[in-house]
Protein backbone atom coordinates (compact mmCIF):
# COMPACT_ATOMS: atom_id res chain seq x y z
CA UNK A 1 1.35 19.70 2.61
CA UNK A 2 1.75 19.36 -1.14
CA UNK A 3 -0.68 17.38 -3.29
CA UNK A 4 1.90 14.63 -3.95
CA UNK A 5 2.76 14.02 -0.29
CA UNK A 6 1.18 11.06 1.41
CA UNK A 7 -0.80 11.61 4.56
CA UNK A 8 0.21 10.00 7.81
CA UNK A 9 -2.18 8.85 10.52
CA UNK A 10 -0.94 11.82 12.54
CA UNK A 11 -1.96 14.19 9.74
CA UNK A 12 -5.50 12.88 9.96
CA UNK A 13 -5.54 12.94 13.77
CA UNK A 14 -4.27 16.51 13.99
CA UNK A 15 -5.96 18.13 10.99
CA UNK A 16 -7.66 21.39 11.90
CA UNK A 17 -9.92 23.36 9.57
CA UNK A 18 -10.45 27.10 9.80
CA UNK A 19 -13.95 28.37 10.37
CA UNK A 20 -15.46 31.12 8.28
CA UNK A 21 -16.77 34.43 9.52
CA UNK A 22 -19.71 34.48 7.14
CA UNK A 23 -21.44 31.39 8.49
CA UNK A 24 -20.93 28.63 11.01
CA UNK A 25 -18.81 25.79 9.68
CA UNK A 26 -15.56 25.06 7.90
CA UNK A 27 -14.08 26.48 4.73
CA UNK A 28 -15.19 24.12 1.99
CA UNK A 29 -11.98 24.55 -0.02
CA UNK A 30 -9.85 23.38 2.94
CA UNK A 31 -12.07 20.41 3.63
CA UNK A 32 -12.16 19.48 -0.07
CA UNK A 33 -8.36 19.71 -0.34
CA UNK A 34 -7.89 17.50 2.71
CA UNK A 35 -10.41 14.96 1.44
CA UNK A 36 -8.64 14.88 -1.94
CA UNK A 37 -5.30 14.24 -0.21
CA UNK A 38 -6.85 11.51 1.93
CA UNK A 39 -8.41 9.90 -1.16
CA UNK A 40 -5.13 10.03 -3.09
CA UNK A 41 -3.21 8.54 -0.18
CA UNK A 42 -5.70 5.72 0.27
CA UNK A 43 -5.68 5.02 -3.48
CA UNK A 44 -1.87 4.91 -3.58
CA UNK A 45 -1.71 2.62 -0.55
CA UNK A 46 -4.35 0.34 -2.05
CA UNK A 47 -2.48 0.17 -5.36
CA UNK A 48 0.80 -0.54 -3.57
CA UNK A 49 -0.86 -3.25 -1.48
CA UNK A 50 -2.27 -4.92 -4.61
CA UNK A 51 1.15 -4.82 -6.26
CA UNK A 52 2.79 -6.39 -3.20
CA UNK A 53 0.10 -9.07 -3.04
CA UNK A 54 0.65 -9.92 -6.70
CA UNK A 55 4.42 -10.07 -6.18
CA UNK A 56 3.98 -12.34 -3.13
CA UNK A 57 1.75 -14.67 -5.13
CA UNK A 58 4.33 -14.77 -7.94
CA UNK A 59 7.15 -15.54 -5.52
CA UNK A 60 5.08 -18.27 -3.83
CA UNK A 61 4.54 -19.93 -7.23
CA UNK A 62 8.27 -19.80 -7.94
CA UNK A 63 9.11 -21.20 -4.49
CA UNK A 64 6.63 -24.03 -5.03
CA UNK A 65 8.16 -24.85 -8.41
CA UNK A 66 11.66 -24.93 -6.90
CA UNK A 67 10.42 -27.08 -4.05
CA UNK A 68 8.89 -29.57 -6.49
CA UNK A 69 12.09 -29.62 -8.53
CA UNK A 70 14.15 -30.27 -5.42
CA UNK A 71 11.91 -33.19 -4.45
CA UNK A 72 12.42 -34.76 -7.88
CA UNK A 73 16.23 -34.54 -7.79
CA UNK A 74 18.12 -37.72 -6.92
CA UNK A 75 20.19 -37.56 -3.77
CA UNK A 76 23.95 -37.18 -4.21
CA UNK A 77 24.65 -40.66 -2.77
CA UNK A 78 22.31 -42.32 -5.28
CA UNK A 79 24.20 -40.78 -8.22
CA UNK A 80 27.51 -42.26 -7.02
CA UNK A 81 26.16 -45.86 -7.09
């Protein structure tokens, strides 16, 4: 996996780290790389979520303005009188 690729839930579920021969445990560089990818993915998803939330709020304001304008418009039949 390249640094710019986003992780999937499956990537996290199936991630395996190699053990070292010198001592019991995992290779720190592999664990660090995976943690960096996880952090970057979470950050990108959080940023995207915030952008979508802001866009939704903007669209709600516009929809409310249009709704208020529509309520203030005279009906077609009233204009003909």
